[in-house]
Amino acid sequence: MLGHLIGIWKTLGTQQLTVVCAASDAGIAAELDRLQFPPRDRILNPEPARGMFGSIQCAAGWPGWRPGVTHWTIVLGDQPHLQPATLQALLEFAAAHPADVCQPSRNGRARHPVILSAAAFQKLASSPAPTLKDFLHSLSTEIKLVELPDAGLDLDLDHPADYELAIRQHSARPQP
């Protein structure tokens, strides 16, 4: 899944692609080595017990960002099933709303991935919010949603049954 996600975001023209992982996770490190993912673009989270938001805040405080990066996309590792066209539409929407936080929505509900402007990303590093959802709620006037038809937006791969559903959805898609 990790290799698939990295590949998709590379084809979408990402300026800088990073992976946040636990400093002690030898399995992820081995997979990143296998994928020849550069060590300089790995953000090692020393406190993985803080959960997803802790990893996101670790990235927001990371000093390795290249100059000129203007937006950050927070991508969940359990959404490799999103259609590239969905991600491209989200990127285009964010380009049209450069000062805002941009999220896809489906059936009126905000989903992931989330694209943050530089101003929002800077606030993220020191936010006292306990979760990303709470942080985003504090920025509600800056959030723009784009309704997208991808059923994959409704699905996170948290359980084996979720993975099976994602495979069925992918198999049912028209192939190019």
Foldseek 3Di string as FASTA:
>chain_A
DVLLVVVLVVVLPDPADAEEDAPPPVPVVVVCVVSVPDPLRYQHQPCCVLDDLSSLLSVLPDPSDDPPDFKDKDADPQQSLWDSVVVNVQVVVCVVQVQAWEAEDEPPHGFDTIMHGNVLSNCSNPDPDSDPVRSVVVVVVRYDYHYDDTPSRVAGPPDPVSVVVSVVSSVPDDDD
